[in-house]
Amino acid sequence: MEEGVAIDNVWDIDKLNSSAKERLGYPTQKPIALLERIIMASSNEGDLVLDPFCGCGTTVTAAQKLNRQWIGIDITHLATNLIKLRLADMFELEPKRDYDVTGEPEDFTGATELALQNRYQFQWWATSLINARPYGDKKRGKDTGIDGILYFSDEKDKVKKAIVSVKSGKVSVSNVRDLGHVIDRERSDIGILITLTSPTRDMTSEAAAKGLYRSEAFFRDYARIQILTIEELLNGKKPDVPILVSPFKRVQWSDTTENGLF
């Protein structure tokens, strides 16, 4: 048997282009095959892998897949939200049960402090409380009225979306009306308004006036606009929607460890 060509200093791993199946839309995302190769070449099972700028969590997920311990550090709640969703989708891991997250608010006081410090960070953190995918990226562009997307399904092979809007300051009935316009514009079935403060009576009435979404599959109705406070979410309340679908179900994770990288 003839000897093969020795591996040189150039690794022929394609970058993630706009059509890559594992692409999440995170601006600095790296191919998971690249991180798997680095980890396999430099560590053994059970070793600790540290990524101090973990972004959307490619290093963390690669380390988990390869049976390494890991620590990921990032300064944005956008990143930690994506990582939590990714770990849940790929490995069914949940924070507090399977791993710890430090630096996030754990009570209403902490949530209020975060809202005062940075409302964008507050928005990204708040969407993580209902396992919604953050909308957009780190760039603070035009306000579209959408802070997150929650995917659900009540029809075979059809994924639907609920629009999530987060308000960190004083709220009024106009916030409910605005969300109503957004779900109509986006042709969404449900809108979820997350608020730091309690809704007014007018807000509750306006939300009820938007009507109900009828799920024929489950033979029941769901409020088209639902208002949830941060305090309620911290106490375990969740949006009332049909079966939740992972925002990454359409993302295909390449099984690189079985495709001859090593």
Foldseek 3Di string as FASTA:
>chain_A
DDDDDDDDPDDPDDFDDPPALQDDPAPPDGALLVLLVVDVVPDAAAAEAEDQDQALNSNVVSCVVRNYHYDYHHDALLNVLNNQLVCCVPPVDHDPVHHHDPDQDLALVRLLVVCVVDVLSSLSNVCSLQSWRAPDYPDDDDCLQAGTWWWFDLDPPDIAIEGEGEDEDDDALVNLVVQLVSCVVVVHQAYEYEYQDDYDPSNVVSQVVSDWDARPSVRDTFRRYYYHYPNRSSVPDYHDDHGTDRPCPSRDRDPSVPVPPD
